[in-house]
Each structure stands twice: as C-alpha cells, then as structure tokens.
Amino acid sequence: MVLWLVVLAVIVWILQTALGFWQFKRFSNHLRDLRKLGRVAIGRARGRFLAGVLVLLVIDNYCRIIKGEIMEGRTVFADFQPFDDLNGLTLFELSDELCKSLNLGFQRSVAVLSAKKDYEDYMTMQANE
C-alpha cells in the first residue's frame, strides 16, 4: 500500500514538473515574439486564494504602451489574452488611482504596478552602470 502511494507521488511530481516546463516554454516563446515589437515590461501578482496574474506591456522608445497581454489563472493551462486597457498611456503615468478608475481589479492592478516598478528598477540599475 505504501509503495503505491510513493509511486503515485512520484508520478504526480513528474507530471507537475513536465507541465511547469511546458508552461515556461510557452511563456518564453510568447515573450520572444513580443520583444520583436519593442521593450517589454513584465508584472505579476501571485495568487494563493485568487488567480495569479501575469502582465506583459510592450513599450516604445518613449515608454508609451503599444500592446498589452495578460494571463490570469490557477493552472498551467492559462493562456495570454489581449489587454488593451492601457494602450496609449505611458508606463510612468500608471498609478493605483488610474488602475482603480479603469476598474482593473486588485490582482490586475498589482500586476500592472509591478511591471512599472520592475521597469523603473531596471532603468535605475542601467543608469548606475
């Protein structure tokens, strides 16, 4: 009986690893395609009880958002969808108030503001080198 539980646990672990790798590969390919359009700011909001959110914002040389994509879900089968709510805005004008006025919801707002902060941190690091 215990042997079957161990075998089952190993099978589940292998399946989880394979599906995680598959999701990462899909994300990498999608990110590579978006980078052909411009720089990409990536934001995320982890979800334990709420669905996790991943936002990809393609920006031009003036940090204007030209395309947005969002992935929301609890499983590895979640896929990117168009996210045009922020198109035309500059990355630096994103704020909590703007997210609330656009009715983005909590997780989406966290992911959008995470993309802004991560990009600002990246630019600061580049300036200091």
C-alpha atoms as a PDB file:
ATOM      1  CA  MET A   1       0.000   0.000   0.000  1.00  0.00           C
ATOM      2  CA  VAL A   2       2.745   2.447   0.967  1.00  0.00           C
ATOM      3  CA  LEU A   3       4.693   1.556  -2.166  1.00  0.00           C
ATOM      4  CA  TRP A   4       1.703   2.535  -4.334  1.00  0.00           C
ATOM      5  CA  LEU A   5       1.462   5.894  -2.583  1.00  0.00           C
ATOM      6  CA  VAL A   6       5.150   6.533  -3.206  1.00  0.00           C
ATOM      7  CA  VAL A   7       4.800   5.561  -6.868  1.00  0.00           C
ATOM      8  CA  LEU A   8       1.727   7.780  -7.214  1.00  0.00           C
ATOM      9  CA  ALA A   9       3.561  10.696  -5.570  1.00  0.00           C
ATOM     10  CA  VAL A  10       6.499  10.289  -7.963  1.00  0.00           C
ATOM     11  CA  ILE A  11       4.171  10.182 -10.982  1.00  0.00           C
ATOM     12  CA  VAL A  12       2.359  13.320  -9.843  1.00  0.00           C
ATOM     13  CA  TRP A  13       5.683  15.080  -9.229  1.00  0.00           C
ATOM     14  CA  ILE A  14       6.945  14.166 -12.727  1.00  0.00           C
ATOM     15  CA  LEU A  15       3.668  15.347 -14.283  1.00  0.00           C
ATOM     16  CA  GLN A  16       3.823  18.634 -12.371  1.00  0.00           C
ATOM     17  CA  THR A  17       7.421  19.198 -13.473  1.00  0.00           C
ATOM     18  CA  ALA A  18       6.610  18.432 -17.111  1.00  0.00           C
ATOM     19  CA  LEU A  19       3.588  20.749 -17.147  1.00  0.00           C
ATOM     20  CA  GLY A  20       5.577  23.520 -15.452  1.00  0.00           C
ATOM     21  CA  PHE A  21       8.304  23.195 -18.055  1.00  0.00           C
ATOM     22  CA  TRP A  22       5.681  23.274 -20.838  1.00  0.00           C
ATOM     23  CA  GLN A  23       4.156  26.476 -19.403  1.00  0.00           C
ATOM     24  CA  PHE A  24       7.579  28.126 -19.104  1.00  0.00           C
ATOM     25  CA  LYS A  25       8.414  27.231 -22.703  1.00  0.00           C
ATOM     26  CA  ARG A  26       5.119  28.735 -23.933  1.00  0.00           C
ATOM     27  CA  PHE A  27       5.823  31.905 -21.906  1.00  0.00           C
ATOM     28  CA  SER A  28       9.366  32.191 -23.284  1.00  0.00           C
ATOM     29  CA  ASN A  29       8.179  31.823 -26.877  1.00  0.00           C
ATOM     30  CA  HIS A  30       5.425  34.384 -26.346  1.00  0.00           C
ATOM     31  CA  LEU A  31       7.837  36.845 -24.729  1.00  0.00           C
ATOM     32  CA  ARG A  32      10.295  36.427 -27.596  1.00  0.00           C
ATOM     33  CA  ASP A  33       7.532  37.278 -30.096  1.00  0.00           C
ATOM     34  CA  LEU A  34       6.528  40.387 -28.134  1.00  0.00           C
ATOM     35  CA  ARG A  35      10.133  41.578 -27.865  1.00  0.00           C
ATOM     36  CA  LYS A  36      10.185  41.851 -31.652  1.00  0.00           C
ATOM     37  CA  LEU A  37       7.660  44.706 -31.247  1.00  0.00           C
ATOM     38  CA  GLY A  38       9.622  46.635 -28.578  1.00  0.00           C
ATOM     39  CA  ARG A  39      10.774  46.521 -24.984  1.00  0.00           C
ATOM     40  CA  VAL A  40       8.576  44.513 -22.632  1.00  0.00           C
ATOM     41  CA  ALA A  41       7.723  45.356 -19.028  1.00  0.00           C
ATOM     42  CA  ILE A  42       6.642  42.291 -17.063  1.00  0.00           C
ATOM     43  CA  GLY A  43       4.473  42.439 -13.968  1.00  0.00           C
ATOM     44  CA  ARG A  44       2.984  39.736 -11.816  1.00  0.00           C
ATOM     45  CA  ALA A  45       0.613  39.236  -8.953  1.00  0.00           C
ATOM     46  CA  ARG A  46       0.859  35.924  -7.202  1.00  0.00           C
ATOM     47  CA  GLY A  47      -2.345  34.362  -6.089  1.00  0.00           C
ATOM     48  CA  ARG A  48      -2.836  31.912  -3.302  1.00  0.00           C
ATOM     49  CA  PHE A  49      -6.594  32.246  -2.994  1.00  0.00           C
ATOM     50  CA  LEU A  50      -7.087  34.497  -6.023  1.00  0.00           C
ATOM     51  CA  ALA A  51      -5.976  33.641  -9.538  1.00  0.00           C
ATOM     52  CA  GLY A  52      -2.415  34.667 -10.350  1.00  0.00           C
ATOM     53  CA  VAL A  53      -1.908  37.375 -12.974  1.00  0.00           C
ATOM     54  CA  LEU A  54       0.969  37.988 -15.353  1.00  0.00           C
ATOM     55  CA  VAL A  55       1.023  41.183 -17.442  1.00  0.00           C
ATOM     56  CA  LEU A  56       3.278  41.876 -20.431  1.00  0.00           C
ATOM     57  CA  LEU A  57       3.367  45.500 -21.601  1.00  0.00           C
ATOM     58  CA  VAL A  58       5.167  46.283 -24.863  1.00  0.00           C
ATOM     59  CA  ILE A  59       6.530  49.839 -24.811  1.00  0.00           C
ATOM     60  CA  ASP A  60       8.094  52.068 -27.422  1.00  0.00           C
ATOM     61  CA  ASN A  61      11.140  54.356 -27.065  1.00  0.00           C
ATOM     62  CA  TYR A  62       9.045  56.919 -25.161  1.00  0.00           C
ATOM     63  CA  CYS A  63       7.711  54.282 -22.719  1.00  0.00           C
ATOM     64  CA  ARG A  64       4.265  54.502 -24.321  1.00  0.00           C
ATOM     65  CA  ILE A  65       2.370  51.225 -24.056  1.00  0.00           C
ATOM     66  CA  ILE A  66       1.698  49.939 -27.558  1.00  0.00           C
ATOM     67  CA  LYS A  67       0.415  46.477 -26.693  1.00  0.00           C
ATOM     68  CA  GLY A  68      -0.619  44.628 -23.572  1.00  0.00           C
ATOM     69  CA  GLU A  69      -1.157  40.957 -22.873  1.00  0.00           C
ATOM     70  CA  ILE A  70      -2.450  39.324 -19.706  1.00  0.00           C
ATOM     71  CA  MET A  71      -2.510  35.789 -18.363  1.00  0.00           C
ATOM     72  CA  GLU A  72      -4.833  35.011 -15.480  1.00  0.00           C
ATOM     73  CA  GLY A  73      -5.476  31.650 -13.942  1.00  0.00           C
ATOM     74  CA  ARG A  74      -4.774  28.994 -11.386  1.00  0.00           C
ATOM     75  CA  THR A  75      -3.493  26.285 -13.699  1.00  0.00           C
ATOM     76  CA  VAL A  76      -0.691  25.785 -16.208  1.00  0.00           C
ATOM     77  CA  PHE A  77      -3.319  25.829 -18.957  1.00  0.00           C
ATOM     78  CA  ALA A  78      -3.931  29.591 -18.623  1.00  0.00           C
ATOM     79  CA  ASP A  79      -3.064  31.482 -21.805  1.00  0.00           C
ATOM     80  CA  PHE A  80      -2.297  35.079 -22.758  1.00  0.00           C
ATOM     81  CA  GLN A  81      -5.183  37.312 -23.807  1.00  0.00           C
ATOM     82  CA  PRO A  82      -5.117  40.840 -25.260  1.00  0.00           C
ATOM     83  CA  PHE A  83      -5.041  43.546 -22.575  1.00  0.00           C
ATOM     84  CA  ASP A  84      -5.707  46.845 -24.334  1.00  0.00           C
ATOM     85  CA  ASP A  85      -6.909  48.868 -21.312  1.00  0.00           C
ATOM     86  CA  LEU A  86      -3.564  50.655 -21.012  1.00  0.00           C
ATOM     87  CA  ASN A  87      -2.641  51.127 -24.679  1.00  0.00           C
ATOM     88  CA  GLY A  88      -1.532  54.679 -25.432  1.00  0.00           C
ATOM     89  CA  LEU A  89      -0.613  55.502 -21.830  1.00  0.00           C
ATOM     90  CA  THR A  90       2.991  55.895 -20.748  1.00  0.00           C
ATOM     91  CA  LEU A  91       4.392  53.385 -18.308  1.00  0.00           C
ATOM     92  CA  PHE A  92       5.345  56.098 -15.822  1.00  0.00           C
ATOM     93  CA  GLU A  93       1.827  57.529 -15.522  1.00  0.00           C
ATOM     94  CA  LEU A  94       0.442  54.233 -14.239  1.00  0.00           C
ATOM     95  CA  SER A  95      -0.765  54.563 -10.664  1.00  0.00           C
ATOM     96  CA  ASP A  96      -3.081  52.941  -8.179  1.00  0.00           C
ATOM     97  CA  GLU A  97      -5.664  55.676  -8.794  1.00  0.00           C
ATOM     98  CA  LEU A  98      -5.542  55.125 -12.558  1.00  0.00           C
ATOM     99  CA  CYS A  99      -5.977  51.372 -12.090  1.00  0.00           C
ATOM    100  CA  LYS A 100      -8.997  51.999  -9.868  1.00  0.00           C
ATOM    101  CA  SER A 101     -10.508  54.432 -12.371  1.00  0.00           C
ATOM    102  CA  LEU A 102     -10.122  51.784 -15.096  1.00  0.00           C
ATOM    103  CA  ASN A 103     -11.764  49.154 -12.825  1.00  0.00           C
ATOM    104  CA  LEU A 104      -8.884  46.736 -13.293  1.00  0.00           C
ATOM    105  CA  GLY A 105      -9.454  44.820 -10.082  1.00  0.00           C
ATOM    106  CA  PHE A 106      -6.984  44.068  -7.320  1.00  0.00           C
ATOM    107  CA  GLN A 107      -4.816  41.374  -8.931  1.00  0.00           C
ATOM    108  CA  ARG A 108      -4.588  43.149 -12.293  1.00  0.00           C
ATOM    109  CA  SER A 109      -3.660  46.412 -10.556  1.00  0.00           C
ATOM    110  CA  VAL A 110      -0.926  44.692  -8.554  1.00  0.00           C
ATOM    111  CA  ALA A 111       0.492  43.140 -11.728  1.00  0.00           C
ATOM    112  CA  VAL A 112       0.398  46.432 -13.680  1.00  0.00           C
ATOM    113  CA  LEU A 113       2.087  48.378 -10.891  1.00  0.00           C
ATOM    114  CA  SER A 114       4.626  45.566 -10.523  1.00  0.00           C
ATOM    115  CA  ALA A 115       5.525  45.957 -14.215  1.00  0.00           C
ATOM    116  CA  LYS A 116       6.021  49.690 -13.709  1.00  0.00           C
ATOM    117  CA  LYS A 117       8.187  49.229 -10.600  1.00  0.00           C
ATOM    118  CA  ASP A 118      10.297  46.469 -12.130  1.00  0.00           C
ATOM    119  CA  TYR A 119      10.934  48.579 -15.229  1.00  0.00           C
ATOM    120  CA  GLU A 120      11.853  51.627 -13.106  1.00  0.00           C
ATOM    121  CA  ASP A 121      14.247  49.443 -11.077  1.00  0.00           C
ATOM    122  CA  TYR A 122      15.778  48.134 -14.308  1.00  0.00           C
ATOM    123  CA  MET A 123      16.271  51.682 -15.650  1.00  0.00           C
ATOM    124  CA  THR A 124      17.867  52.782 -12.359  1.00  0.00           C
ATOM    125  CA  MET A 125      20.232  49.829 -12.488  1.00  0.00           C
ATOM    126  CA  GLN A 126      21.167  50.652 -16.095  1.00  0.00           C
ATOM    127  CA  ALA A 127      21.838  54.295 -15.183  1.00  0.00           C
ATOM    128  CA  ASN A 128      24.152  53.278 -12.335  1.00  0.00           C
ATOM    129  CA  GLU A 129      26.318  51.026 -14.509  1.00  0.00           C
END
